[in-house]
Amino acid sequence: MKRLASKYPEDAYEMVLNSELDLGEFLALVLYDDTYFNKICEKLSSYHNLDRILPLINDFTIPRAEYDGKNGLVKLAYTAFYKFYEGETDEEVIRDFHTNVSFTIDTNSKQLVFWFPLFS
């Protein structure tokens, strides 16, 4: 998944325009939707291979979002959990990451379009 496009709630977009809803909360309406949430976590996981082991990423937050009326950038922050199995002992490594995802808001088709980087 490099591109994610989804309809957005028009009333929520109006609230953003009227400064009644934070941009990050508006973006979360799409990014946290059940349709996309697990796919996004899998995509974030694919960025952080450690010794050929993909981490478990089961949540993310939106600490920053900005939009200039044409293009936007949203920062996704998340924690990656790595499990290594070495003989009889298990080792767990936890690392924090962030990924910037660009987006546009197409007001004609009422869609948010997110562009995930190929690599982070």
PDB file of N, CA and C in Angstrom:
ATOM      1  N   MET A   1       0.851  -1.174   0.000  1.00  0.00           N
ATOM      2  CA  MET A   1       0.000   0.000   0.000  1.00  0.00           C
ATOM      3  C   MET A   1       0.897   1.237   0.000  1.00  0.00           C
ATOM      4  N   LYS A   2       0.873   1.964  -1.071  1.00  0.00           N
ATOM      5  CA  LYS A   2       1.597   3.233  -1.118  1.00  0.00           C
ATOM      6  C   LYS A   2       0.604   4.380  -1.030  1.00  0.00           C
ATOM      7  N   ARG A   3      -0.562   4.193  -1.629  1.00  0.00           N
ATOM      8  CA  ARG A   3      -1.586   5.236  -1.689  1.00  0.00           C
ATOM      9  C   ARG A   3      -2.834   4.736  -0.974  1.00  0.00           C
ATOM     10  N   LEU A   4      -3.396   5.590  -0.158  1.00  0.00           N
ATOM     11  CA  LEU A   4      -4.643   5.268   0.523  1.00  0.00           C
ATOM     12  C   LEU A   4      -5.604   6.415   0.259  1.00  0.00           C
ATOM     13  N   ALA A   5      -6.737   6.112  -0.335  1.00  0.00           N
ATOM     14  CA  ALA A   5      -7.744   7.136  -0.611  1.00  0.00           C
ATOM     15  C   ALA A   5      -9.054   6.713   0.031  1.00  0.00           C
ATOM     16  N   SER A   6      -9.711   7.658   0.671  1.00  0.00           N
ATOM     17  CA  SER A   6     -10.962   7.350   1.338  1.00  0.00           C
ATOM     18  C   SER A   6     -11.847   8.583   1.389  1.00  0.00           C
ATOM     19  N   LYS A   7     -13.139   8.357   1.324  1.00  0.00           N
ATOM     20  CA  LYS A   7     -14.094   9.443   1.522  1.00  0.00           C
ATOM     21  C   LYS A   7     -13.945   9.968   2.944  1.00  0.00           C
ATOM     22  N   TYR A   8     -14.192  11.230   3.141  1.00  0.00           N
ATOM     23  CA  TYR A   8     -14.159  11.801   4.485  1.00  0.00           C
ATOM     24  C   TYR A   8     -15.539  12.336   4.845  1.00  0.00           C
ATOM     25  N   PRO A   9     -15.839  12.405   6.138  1.00  0.00           N
ATOM     26  CA  PRO A   9     -17.125  12.958   6.562  1.00  0.00           C
ATOM     27  C   PRO A   9     -17.161  14.465   6.293  1.00  0.00           C
ATOM     28  N   GLU A  10     -18.093  14.894   5.463  1.00  0.00           N
ATOM     29  CA  GLU A  10     -18.164  16.305   5.072  1.00  0.00           C
ATOM     30  C   GLU A  10     -18.382  17.227   6.268  1.00  0.00           C
ATOM     31  N   ASP A  11     -19.201  16.790   7.220  1.00  0.00           N
ATOM     32  CA  ASP A  11     -19.448  17.642   8.387  1.00  0.00           C
ATOM     33  C   ASP A  11     -18.185  17.835   9.215  1.00  0.00           C
ATOM     34  N   ALA A  12     -17.358  16.796   9.290  1.00  0.00           N
ATOM     35  CA  ALA A  12     -16.091  16.910  10.024  1.00  0.00           C
ATOM     36  C   ALA A  12     -15.150  17.888   9.312  1.00  0.00           C
ATOM     37  N   TYR A  13     -15.117  17.852   7.984  1.00  0.00           N
ATOM     38  CA  TYR A  13     -14.265  18.776   7.235  1.00  0.00           C
ATOM     39  C   TYR A  13     -14.716  20.223   7.465  1.00  0.00           C
ATOM     40  N   GLU A  14     -16.019  20.447   7.477  1.00  0.00           N
ATOM     41  CA  GLU A  14     -16.545  21.784   7.773  1.00  0.00           C
ATOM     42  C   GLU A  14     -16.115  22.244   9.168  1.00  0.00           C
ATOM     43  N   MET A  15     -16.092  21.307  10.107  1.00  0.00           N
ATOM     44  CA  MET A  15     -15.647  21.648  11.471  1.00  0.00           C
ATOM     45  C   MET A  15     -14.178  22.057  11.486  1.00  0.00           C
ATOM     46  N   VAL A  16     -13.360  21.419  10.658  1.00  0.00           N
ATOM     47  CA  VAL A  16     -11.947  21.801  10.557  1.00  0.00           C
ATOM     48  C   VAL A  16     -11.842  23.216   9.994  1.00  0.00           C
ATOM     49  N   LEU A  17     -12.594  23.480   8.942  1.00  0.00           N
ATOM     50  CA  LEU A  17     -12.561  24.807   8.330  1.00  0.00           C
ATOM     51  C   LEU A  17     -12.999  25.898   9.304  1.00  0.00           C
ATOM     52  N   ASN A  18     -13.909  25.557  10.220  1.00  0.00           N
ATOM     53  CA  ASN A  18     -14.417  26.516  11.208  1.00  0.00           C
ATOM     54  C   ASN A  18     -13.640  26.474  12.523  1.00  0.00           C
ATOM     55  N   SER A  19     -12.492  25.778  12.517  1.00  0.00           N
ATOM     56  CA  SER A  19     -11.629  25.635  13.707  1.00  0.00           C
ATOM     57  C   SER A  19     -12.365  25.018  14.901  1.00  0.00           C
ATOM     58  N   GLU A  20     -13.310  24.139  14.601  1.00  0.00           N
ATOM     59  CA  GLU A  20     -14.036  23.427  15.648  1.00  0.00           C
ATOM     60  C   GLU A  20     -13.493  22.022  15.869  1.00  0.00           C
ATOM     61  N   LEU A  21     -12.649  21.556  14.949  1.00  0.00           N
ATOM     62  CA  LEU A  21     -12.052  20.224  15.020  1.00  0.00           C
ATOM     63  C   LEU A  21     -10.602  20.339  14.589  1.00  0.00           C
ATOM     64  N   ASP A  22      -9.725  19.740  15.361  1.00  0.00           N
ATOM     65  CA  ASP A  22      -8.295  19.719  15.066  1.00  0.00           C
ATOM     66  C   ASP A  22      -8.037  18.885  13.804  1.00  0.00           C
ATOM     67  N   LEU A  23      -7.091  19.332  12.987  1.00  0.00           N
ATOM     68  CA  LEU A  23      -6.763  18.625  11.750  1.00  0.00           C
ATOM     69  C   LEU A  23      -6.359  17.179  12.022  1.00  0.00           C
ATOM     70  N   GLY A  24      -5.546  16.944  13.054  1.00  0.00           N
ATOM     71  CA  GLY A  24      -5.121  15.582  13.386  1.00  0.00           C
ATOM     72  C   GLY A  24      -6.297  14.687  13.739  1.00  0.00           C
ATOM     73  N   GLU A  25      -7.280  15.224  14.437  1.00  0.00           N
ATOM     74  CA  GLU A  25      -8.476  14.445  14.775  1.00  0.00           C
ATOM     75  C   GLU A  25      -9.295  14.129  13.524  1.00  0.00           C
ATOM     76  N   PHE A  26      -9.346  15.074  12.614  1.00  0.00           N
ATOM     77  CA  PHE A  26     -10.032  14.847  11.344  1.00  0.00           C
ATOM     78  C   PHE A  26      -9.357  13.721  10.560  1.00  0.00           C
ATOM     79  N   LEU A  27      -8.027  13.758  10.467  1.00  0.00           N
ATOM     80  CA  LEU A  27      -7.291  12.716   9.745  1.00  0.00           C
ATOM     81  C   LEU A  27      -7.463  11.360  10.419  1.00  0.00           C
ATOM     82  N   ALA A  28      -7.548  11.360  11.740  1.00  0.00           N
ATOM     83  CA  ALA A  28      -7.718  10.117  12.490  1.00  0.00           C
ATOM     84  C   ALA A  28      -9.030   9.420  12.138  1.00  0.00           C
ATOM     85  N   LEU A  29     -10.045  10.184  11.749  1.00  0.00           N
ATOM     86  CA  LEU A  29     -11.325   9.578  11.359  1.00  0.00           C
ATOM     87  C   LEU A  29     -11.137   8.571  10.226  1.00  0.00           C
ATOM     88  N   VAL A  30     -10.186   8.840   9.333  1.00  0.00           N
ATOM     89  CA  VAL A  30      -9.905   7.914   8.232  1.00  0.00           C
ATOM     90  C   VAL A  30      -8.815   6.922   8.628  1.00  0.00           C
ATOM     91  N   LEU A  31      -7.718   7.411   9.189  1.00  0.00           N
ATOM     92  CA  LEU A  31      -6.583   6.531   9.479  1.00  0.00           C
ATOM     93  C   LEU A  31      -6.904   5.461  10.522  1.00  0.00           C
ATOM     94  N   TYR A  32      -7.780   5.761  11.467  1.00  0.00           N
ATOM     95  CA  TYR A  32      -8.142   4.788  12.503  1.00  0.00           C
ATOM     96  C   TYR A  32      -9.349   3.946  12.119  1.00  0.00           C
ATOM     97  N   ASP A  33      -9.888   4.149  10.933  1.00  0.00           N
ATOM     98  CA  ASP A  33     -11.034   3.363  10.488  1.00  0.00           C
ATOM     99  C   ASP A  33     -10.640   1.889  10.394  1.00  0.00           C
ATOM    100  N   ASP A  34     -11.551   1.007  10.765  1.00  0.00           N
ATOM    101  CA  ASP A  34     -11.275  -0.440  10.749  1.00  0.00           C
ATOM    102  C   ASP A  34     -10.821  -0.943   9.387  1.00  0.00           C
ATOM    103  N   THR A  35     -11.259  -0.293   8.332  1.00  0.00           N
ATOM    104  CA  THR A  35     -10.894  -0.710   6.983  1.00  0.00           C
ATOM    105  C   THR A  35      -9.394  -0.560   6.730  1.00  0.00           C
ATOM    106  N   TYR A  36      -8.762   0.450   7.333  1.00  0.00           N
ATOM    107  CA  TYR A  36      -7.373   0.780   7.016  1.00  0.00           C
ATOM    108  C   TYR A  36      -6.382   0.562   8.153  1.00  0.00           C
ATOM    109  N   PHE A  37      -6.842   0.570   9.382  1.00  0.00           N
ATOM    110  CA  PHE A  37      -5.940   0.596  10.537  1.00  0.00           C
ATOM    111  C   PHE A  37      -4.896  -0.523  10.495  1.00  0.00           C
ATOM    112  N   ASN A  38      -5.310  -1.768  10.345  1.00  0.00           N
ATOM    113  CA  ASN A  38      -4.356  -2.883  10.341  1.00  0.00           C
ATOM    114  C   ASN A  38      -3.403  -2.812   9.154  1.00  0.00           C
ATOM    115  N   LYS A  39      -3.906  -2.378   7.992  1.00  0.00           N
ATOM    116  CA  LYS A  39      -3.046  -2.242   6.813  1.00  0.00           C
ATOM    117  C   LYS A  39      -1.965  -1.192   7.054  1.00  0.00           C
ATOM    118  N   ILE A  40      -2.325  -0.116   7.717  1.00  0.00           N
ATOM    119  CA  ILE A  40      -1.349   0.943   8.014  1.00  0.00           C
ATOM    120  C   ILE A  40      -0.300   0.422   8.986  1.00  0.00           C
ATOM    121  N   CYS A  41      -0.720  -0.303  10.021  1.00  0.00           N
ATOM    122  CA  CYS A  41       0.241  -0.880  10.972  1.00  0.00           C
ATOM    123  C   CYS A  41       1.195  -1.843  10.265  1.00  0.00           C
ATOM    124  N   GLU A  42       0.672  -2.654   9.337  1.00  0.00           N
ATOM    125  CA  GLU A  42       1.521  -3.567   8.571  1.00  0.00           C
ATOM    126  C   GLU A  42       2.510  -2.789   7.709  1.00  0.00           C
ATOM    127  N   LYS A  43       2.051  -1.699   7.086  1.00  0.00           N
ATOM    128  CA  LYS A  43       2.945  -0.884   6.252  1.00  0.00           C
ATOM    129  C   LYS A  43       4.054  -0.271   7.099  1.00  0.00           C
ATOM    130  N   LEU A  44       3.702   0.260   8.267  1.00  0.00           N
ATOM    131  CA  LEU A  44       4.711   0.835   9.153  1.00  0.00           C
ATOM    132  C   LEU A  44       5.702  -0.235   9.592  1.00  0.00           C
ATOM    133  N   SER A  45       5.210  -1.426   9.841  1.00  0.00           N
ATOM    134  CA  SER A  45       6.058  -2.545  10.243  1.00  0.00           C
ATOM    135  C   SER A  45       7.085  -2.870   9.158  1.00  0.00           C
ATOM    136  N   SER A  46       6.672  -2.793   7.909  1.00  0.00           N
ATOM    137  CA  SER A  46       7.559  -3.162   6.802  1.00  0.00           C
ATOM    138  C   SER A  46       8.758  -2.224   6.671  1.00  0.00           C
ATOM    139  N   TYR A  47       8.688  -1.045   7.270  1.00  0.00           N
ATOM    140  CA  TYR A  47       9.801  -0.097   7.200  1.00  0.00           C
ATOM    141  C   TYR A  47      10.966  -0.469   8.118  1.00  0.00           C
ATOM    142  N   HIS A  48      10.739  -1.342   9.103  1.00  0.00           N
ATOM    143  CA  HIS A  48      11.710  -1.491  10.188  1.00  0.00           C
ATOM    144  C   HIS A  48      12.159  -2.933  10.422  1.00  0.00           C
ATOM    145  N   ASN A  49      12.637  -3.545   9.390  1.00  0.00           N
ATOM    146  CA  ASN A  49      13.209  -4.878   9.470  1.00  0.00           C
ATOM    147  C   ASN A  49      14.489  -4.815  10.317  1.00  0.00           C
ATOM    148  N   LEU A  50      14.580  -5.654  11.330  1.00  0.00           N
ATOM    149  CA  LEU A  50      15.775  -5.699  12.179  1.00  0.00           C
ATOM    150  C   LEU A  50      16.285  -7.129  12.178  1.00  0.00           C
ATOM    151  N   ASP A  51      17.450  -7.359  11.606  1.00  0.00           N
ATOM    152  CA  ASP A  51      17.993  -8.713  11.464  1.00  0.00           C
ATOM    153  C   ASP A  51      16.962  -9.652  10.855  1.00  0.00           C
ATOM    154  N   ARG A  52      16.299  -9.198   9.806  1.00  0.00           N
ATOM    155  CA  ARG A  52      15.276  -9.948   9.063  1.00  0.00           C
ATOM    156  C   ARG A  52      14.049 -10.286   9.898  1.00  0.00           C
ATOM    157  N   ILE A  53      13.837  -9.576  10.974  1.00  0.00           N
ATOM    158  CA  ILE A  53      12.646  -9.778  11.797  1.00  0.00           C
ATOM    159  C   ILE A  53      11.800  -8.511  11.718  1.00  0.00           C
ATOM    160  N   LEU A  54      10.551  -8.672  11.299  1.00  0.00           N
ATOM    161  CA  LEU A  54       9.640  -7.540  11.258  1.00  0.00           C
ATOM    162  C   LEU A  54       9.040  -7.333  12.643  1.00  0.00           C
ATOM    163  N   PRO A  55       8.890  -6.098  13.048  1.00  0.00           N
ATOM    164  CA  PRO A  55       8.337  -5.829  14.371  1.00  0.00           C
ATOM    165  C   PRO A  55       6.815  -5.938  14.381  1.00  0.00           C
ATOM    166  N   LEU A  56       6.282  -6.016  15.567  1.00  0.00           N
ATOM    167  CA  LEU A  56       4.845  -5.914  15.761  1.00  0.00           C
ATOM    168  C   LEU A  56       4.539  -4.448  16.048  1.00  0.00           C
ATOM    169  N   ILE A  57       3.673  -3.874  15.253  1.00  0.00           N
ATOM    170  CA  ILE A  57       3.204  -2.508  15.483  1.00  0.00           C
ATOM    171  C   ILE A  57       1.684  -2.601  15.527  1.00  0.00           C
ATOM    172  N   ASN A  58       1.109  -2.282  16.680  1.00  0.00           N
ATOM    173  CA  ASN A  58      -0.330  -2.453  16.806  1.00  0.00           C
ATOM    174  C   ASN A  58      -1.074  -1.155  17.113  1.00  0.00           C
ATOM    175  N   ASP A  59      -0.367  -0.028  17.021  1.00  0.00           N
ATOM    176  CA  ASP A  59      -1.021   1.249  17.257  1.00  0.00           C
ATOM    177  C   ASP A  59      -0.111   2.372  16.756  1.00  0.00           C
ATOM    178  N   PHE A  60      -0.689   3.525  16.517  1.00  0.00           N
ATOM    179  CA  PHE A  60       0.079   4.712  16.169  1.00  0.00           C
ATOM    180  C   PHE A  60      -0.694   5.929  16.631  1.00  0.00           C
ATOM    181  N   THR A  61       0.015   7.027  16.775  1.00  0.00           N
ATOM    182  CA  THR A  61      -0.616   8.280  17.159  1.00  0.00           C
ATOM    183  C   THR A  61      -0.303   9.333  16.096  1.00  0.00           C
ATOM    184  N   ILE A  62      -1.006  10.445  16.184  1.00  0.00           N
ATOM    185  CA  ILE A  62      -0.807  11.550  15.252  1.00  0.00           C
ATOM    186  C   ILE A  62      -0.382  12.773  16.063  1.00  0.00           C
ATOM    187  N   PRO A  63       0.923  12.927  16.321  1.00  0.00           N
ATOM    188  CA  PRO A  63       1.377  14.060  17.132  1.00  0.00           C
ATOM    189  C   PRO A  63       1.394  15.396  16.388  1.00  0.00           C
ATOM    190  N   ARG A  64       1.392  15.340  15.042  1.00  0.00           N
ATOM    191  CA  ARG A  64       1.460  16.592  14.292  1.00  0.00           C
ATOM    192  C   ARG A  64       0.796  16.413  12.925  1.00  0.00           C
ATOM    193  N   ALA A  65       0.073  17.426  12.522  1.00  0.00           N
ATOM    194  CA  ALA A  65      -0.516  17.435  11.178  1.00  0.00           C
ATOM    195  C   ALA A  65      -0.559  18.879  10.710  1.00  0.00           C
ATOM    196  N   GLU A  66      -0.245  19.095   9.445  1.00  0.00           N
ATOM    197  CA  GLU A  66      -0.290  20.444   8.887  1.00  0.00           C
ATOM    198  C   GLU A  66      -0.830  20.376   7.465  1.00  0.00           C
ATOM    199  N   TYR A  67      -1.507  21.431   7.071  1.00  0.00           N
ATOM    200  CA  TYR A  67      -2.117  21.495   5.745  1.00  0.00           C
ATOM    201  C   TYR A  67      -2.109  22.945   5.287  1.00  0.00           C
ATOM    202  N   ASP A  68      -1.645  23.163   4.043  1.00  0.00           N
ATOM    203  CA  ASP A  68      -1.530  24.540   3.546  1.00  0.00           C
ATOM    204  C   ASP A  68      -2.651  24.921   2.578  1.00  0.00           C
ATOM    205  N   GLY A  69      -3.691  24.097   2.498  1.00  0.00           N
ATOM    206  CA  GLY A  69      -4.776  24.357   1.565  1.00  0.00           C
ATOM    207  C   GLY A  69      -4.641  23.577   0.269  1.00  0.00           C
ATOM    208  N   LYS A  70      -3.460  23.031   0.031  1.00  0.00           N
ATOM    209  CA  LYS A  70      -3.225  22.225  -1.166  1.00  0.00           C
ATOM    210  C   LYS A  70      -2.583  20.894  -0.804  1.00  0.00           C
ATOM    211  N   ASN A  71      -1.511  20.947  -0.014  1.00  0.00           N
ATOM    212  CA  ASN A  71      -0.783  19.745   0.385  1.00  0.00           C
ATOM    213  C   ASN A  71      -0.680  19.698   1.902  1.00  0.00           C
ATOM    214  N   GLY A  72      -0.572  18.482   2.418  1.00  0.00           N
ATOM    215  CA  GLY A  72      -0.449  18.334   3.858  1.00  0.00           C
ATOM    216  C   GLY A  72       0.579  17.287   4.220  1.00  0.00           C
ATOM    217  N   LEU A  73       0.944  17.269   5.497  1.00  0.00           N
ATOM    218  CA  LEU A  73       1.880  16.305   6.034  1.00  0.00           C
ATOM    219  C   LEU A  73       1.385  15.901   7.412  1.00  0.00           C
ATOM    220  N   VAL A  74       1.336  14.608   7.643  1.00  0.00           N
ATOM    221  CA  VAL A  74       0.926  14.100   8.941  1.00  0.00           C
ATOM    222  C   VAL A  74       2.045  13.207   9.464  1.00  0.00           C
ATOM    223  N   LYS A  75       2.374  13.374  10.727  1.00  0.00           N
ATOM    224  CA  LYS A  75       3.410  12.574  11.371  1.00  0.00           C
ATOM    225  C   LYS A  75       2.723  11.461  12.151  1.00  0.00           C
ATOM    226  N   LEU A  76       3.109  10.217  11.873  1.00  0.00           N
ATOM    227  CA  LEU A  76       2.617   9.069  12.618  1.00  0.00           C
ATOM    228  C   LEU A  76       3.728   8.601  13.552  1.00  0.00           C
ATOM    229  N   ALA A  77       3.449   8.531  14.829  1.00  0.00           N
ATOM    230  CA  ALA A  77       4.418   8.051  15.817  1.00  0.00           C
ATOM    231  C   ALA A  77       3.950   6.684  16.304  1.00  0.00           C
ATOM    232  N   TYR A  78       4.909   5.767  16.494  1.00  0.00           N
ATOM    233  CA  TYR A  78       4.547   4.408  16.876  1.00  0.00           C
ATOM    234  C   TYR A  78       5.719   3.706  17.529  1.00  0.00           C
ATOM    235  N   THR A  79       5.405   2.618  18.208  1.00  0.00           N
ATOM    236  CA  THR A  79       6.405   1.800  18.883  1.00  0.00           C
ATOM    237  C   THR A  79       6.456   0.443  18.204  1.00  0.00           C
ATOM    238  N   ALA A  80       7.673  -0.016  17.905  1.00  0.00           N
ATOM    239  CA  ALA A  80       7.878  -1.317  17.279  1.00  0.00           C
ATOM    240  C   ALA A  80       8.407  -2.296  18.324  1.00  0.00           C
ATOM    241  N   PHE A  81       7.787  -3.470  18.375  1.00  0.00           N
ATOM    242  CA  PHE A  81       8.194  -4.523  19.305  1.00  0.00           C
ATOM    243  C   PHE A  81       8.807  -5.666  18.499  1.00  0.00           C
ATOM    244  N   TYR A  82      10.070  -5.970  18.802  1.00  0.00           N
ATOM    245  CA  TYR A  82      10.770  -7.066  18.148  1.00  0.00           C
ATOM    246  C   TYR A  82      10.935  -8.201  19.147  1.00  0.00           C
ATOM    247  N   LYS A  83      10.688  -9.428  18.705  1.00  0.00           N
ATOM    248  CA  LYS A  83      10.917 -10.605  19.553  1.00  0.00           C
ATOM    249  C   LYS A  83      11.950 -11.482  18.878  1.00  0.00           C
ATOM    250  N   PHE A  84      13.009 -11.803  19.609  1.00  0.00           N
ATOM    251  CA  PHE A  84      14.050 -12.691  19.125  1.00  0.00           C
ATOM    252  C   PHE A  84      14.012 -13.962  19.953  1.00  0.00           C
ATOM    253  N   TYR A  85      14.123 -15.084  19.293  1.00  0.00           N
ATOM    254  CA  TYR A  85      14.133 -16.371  20.000  1.00  0.00           C
ATOM    255  C   TYR A  85      15.518 -16.980  19.852  1.00  0.00           C
ATOM    256  N   GLU A  86      16.255 -16.980  20.925  1.00  0.00           N
ATOM    257  CA  GLU A  86      17.625 -17.503  20.942  1.00  0.00           C
ATOM    258  C   GLU A  86      17.671 -18.713  21.869  1.00  0.00           C
ATOM    259  N   GLY A  87      17.541 -19.879  21.316  1.00  0.00           N
ATOM    260  CA  GLY A  87      17.579 -21.080  22.151  1.00  0.00           C
ATOM    261  C   GLY A  87      16.445 -21.086  23.159  1.00  0.00           C
ATOM    262  N   GLU A  88      16.792 -21.073  24.437  1.00  0.00           N
ATOM    263  CA  GLU A  88      15.775 -21.123  25.485  1.00  0.00           C
ATOM    264  C   GLU A  88      15.349 -19.739  25.971  1.00  0.00           C
ATOM    265  N   THR A  89      16.028 -18.703  25.513  1.00  0.00           N
ATOM    266  CA  THR A  89      15.700 -17.361  25.996  1.00  0.00           C
ATOM    267  C   THR A  89      15.055 -16.530  24.886  1.00  0.00           C
ATOM    268  N   ASP A  90      14.152 -15.685  25.298  1.00  0.00           N
ATOM    269  CA  ASP A  90      13.523 -14.739  24.382  1.00  0.00           C
ATOM    270  C   ASP A  90      14.063 -13.352  24.699  1.00  0.00           C
ATOM    271  N   GLU A  91      14.332 -12.594  23.684  1.00  0.00           N
ATOM    272  CA  GLU A  91      14.761 -11.210  23.888  1.00  0.00           C
ATOM    273  C   GLU A  91      13.761 -10.312  23.184  1.00  0.00           C
ATOM    274  N   GLU A  92      13.363  -9.252  23.868  1.00  0.00           N
ATOM    275  CA  GLU A  92      12.434  -8.294  23.281  1.00  0.00           C
ATOM    276  C   GLU A  92      13.127  -6.943  23.164  1.00  0.00           C
ATOM    277  N   VAL A  93      13.006  -6.337  22.007  1.00  0.00           N
ATOM    278  CA  VAL A  93      13.574  -5.021  21.765  1.00  0.00           C
ATOM    279  C   VAL A  93      12.410  -4.097  21.415  1.00  0.00           C
ATOM    280  N   ILE A  94      12.394  -2.930  22.036  1.00  0.00           N
ATOM    281  CA  ILE A  94      11.334  -1.956  21.793  1.00  0.00           C
ATOM    282  C   ILE A  94      11.983  -0.673  21.284  1.00  0.00           C
ATOM    283  N   ARG A  95      11.479  -0.174  20.175  1.00  0.00           N
ATOM    284  CA  ARG A  95      12.017   1.067  19.606  1.00  0.00           C
ATOM    285  C   ARG A  95      10.876   1.972  19.173  1.00  0.00           C
ATOM    286  N   ASP A  96      11.074   3.268  19.352  1.00  0.00           N
ATOM    287  CA  ASP A  96      10.088   4.254  18.921  1.00  0.00           C
ATOM    288  C   ASP A  96      10.508   4.841  17.579  1.00  0.00           C
ATOM    289  N   PHE A  97       9.523   5.040  16.706  1.00  0.00           N
ATOM    290  CA  PHE A  97       9.766   5.583  15.378  1.00  0.00           C
ATOM    291  C   PHE A  97       8.697   6.612  15.041  1.00  0.00           C
ATOM    292  N   HIS A  98       8.935   7.327  13.959  1.00  0.00           N
ATOM    293  CA  HIS A  98       7.898   8.170  13.363  1.00  0.00           C
ATOM    294  C   HIS A  98       8.072   8.142  11.850  1.00  0.00           C
ATOM    295  N   THR A  99       6.985   8.337  11.168  1.00  0.00           N
ATOM    296  CA  THR A  99       6.981   8.373   9.709  1.00  0.00           C
ATOM    297  C   THR A  99       6.107   9.541   9.271  1.00  0.00           C
ATOM    298  N   ASN A 100       6.582  10.307   8.327  1.00  0.00           N
ATOM    299  CA  ASN A 100       5.795  11.404   7.765  1.00  0.00           C
ATOM    300  C   ASN A 100       5.075  10.912   6.514  1.00  0.00           C
ATOM    301  N   VAL A 101       3.786  11.195   6.458  1.00  0.00           N
ATOM    302  CA  VAL A 101       2.949  10.775   5.347  1.00  0.00           C
ATOM    303  C   VAL A 101       2.330  12.032   4.738  1.00  0.00           C
ATOM    304  N   SER A 102       2.493  12.211   3.437  1.00  0.00           N
ATOM    305  CA  SER A 102       1.882  13.373   2.796  1.00  0.00           C
ATOM    306  C   SER A 102       0.435  13.051   2.437  1.00  0.00           C
ATOM    307  N   PHE A 103      -0.365  14.101   2.312  1.00  0.00           N
ATOM    308  CA  PHE A 103      -1.760  13.893   1.948  1.00  0.00           C
ATOM    309  C   PHE A 103      -2.302  15.114   1.220  1.00  0.00           C
ATOM    310  N   THR A 104      -3.400  14.899   0.523  1.00  0.00           N
ATOM    311  CA  THR A 104      -4.155  15.968  -0.097  1.00  0.00           C
ATOM    312  C   THR A 104      -5.624  15.777   0.272  1.00  0.00           C
ATOM    313  N   ILE A 105      -6.361  16.852   0.214  1.00  0.00           N
ATOM    314  CA  ILE A 105      -7.801  16.799   0.435  1.00  0.00           C
ATOM    315  C   ILE A 105      -8.462  17.220  -0.870  1.00  0.00           C
ATOM    316  N   ASP A 106      -9.153  16.277  -1.492  1.00  0.00           N
ATOM    317  CA  ASP A 106      -9.846  16.548  -2.743  1.00  0.00           C
ATOM    318  C   ASP A 106     -11.293  16.911  -2.405  1.00  0.00           C
ATOM    319  N   THR A 107     -11.598  18.200  -2.418  1.00  0.00           N
ATOM    320  CA  THR A 107     -12.934  18.653  -2.023  1.00  0.00           C
ATOM    321  C   THR A 107     -13.986  18.359  -3.099  1.00  0.00           C
ATOM    322  N   ASN A 108     -13.560  18.140  -4.332  1.00  0.00           N
ATOM    323  CA  ASN A 108     -14.521  17.803  -5.393  1.00  0.00           C
ATOM    324  C   ASN A 108     -15.069  16.385  -5.200  1.00  0.00           C
ATOM    325  N   SER A 109     -14.171  15.435  -4.942  1.00  0.00           N
ATOM    326  CA  SER A 109     -14.615  14.047  -4.758  1.00  0.00           C
ATOM    327  C   SER A 109     -14.816  13.699  -3.282  1.00  0.00           C
ATOM    328  N   LYS A 110     -14.553  14.676  -2.390  1.00  0.00           N
ATOM    329  CA  LYS A 110     -14.703  14.478  -0.936  1.00  0.00           C
ATOM    330  C   LYS A 110     -13.834  13.323  -0.448  1.00  0.00           C
ATOM    331  N   GLN A 111     -12.559  13.332  -0.895  1.00  0.00           N
ATOM    332  CA  GLN A 111     -11.629  12.269  -0.523  1.00  0.00           C
ATOM    333  C   GLN A 111     -10.365  12.825   0.118  1.00  0.00           C
ATOM    334  N   LEU A 112      -9.868  12.071   1.071  1.00  0.00           N
ATOM    335  CA  LEU A 112      -8.517  12.264   1.605  1.00  0.00           C
ATOM    336  C   LEU A 112      -7.637  11.262   0.879  1.00  0.00           C
ATOM    337  N   VAL A 113      -6.500  11.714   0.377  1.00  0.00           N
ATOM    338  CA  VAL A 113      -5.562  10.818  -0.293  1.00  0.00           C
ATOM    339  C   VAL A 113      -4.233  10.918   0.448  1.00  0.00           C
ATOM    340  N   PHE A 114      -3.799   9.786   1.016  1.00  0.00           N
ATOM    341  CA  PHE A 114      -2.528   9.723   1.740  1.00  0.00           C
ATOM    342  C   PHE A 114      -1.505   9.022   0.865  1.00  0.00           C
ATOM    343  N   TRP A 115      -0.275   9.535   0.901  1.00  0.00           N
ATOM    344  CA  TRP A 115       0.832   8.949   0.141  1.00  0.00           C
ATOM    345  C   TRP A 115       1.892   8.489   1.139  1.00  0.00           C
ATOM    346  N   PHE A 116       1.997   7.185   1.330  1.00  0.00           N
ATOM    347  CA  PHE A 116       2.977   6.619   2.244  1.00  0.00           C
ATOM    348  C   PHE A 116       4.313   6.493   1.523  1.00  0.00           C
ATOM    349  N   PRO A 117       5.410   6.765   2.247  1.00  0.00           N
ATOM    350  CA  PRO A 117       6.725   6.626   1.596  1.00  0.00           C
ATOM    351  C   PRO A 117       7.017   5.162   1.290  1.00  0.00           C
ATOM    352  N   LEU A 118       7.821   4.932   0.265  1.00  0.00           N
ATOM    353  CA  LEU A 118       8.229   3.554  -0.018  1.00  0.00           C
ATOM    354  C   LEU A 118       9.098   3.031   1.111  1.00  0.00           C
ATOM    355  N   PHE A 119       9.952   3.893   1.630  1.00  0.00           N
ATOM    356  CA  PHE A 119      10.808   3.534   2.763  1.00  0.00           C
ATOM    357  C   PHE A 119      10.767   4.685   3.745  1.00  0.00           C
ATOM    358  N   SER A 120      10.975   4.394   5.011  1.00  0.00           N
ATOM    359  CA  SER A 120      10.936   5.457   6.016  1.00  0.00           C
ATOM    360  C   SER A 120      12.316   5.657   6.597  1.00  0.00           C
TER     361      SER A 120
END
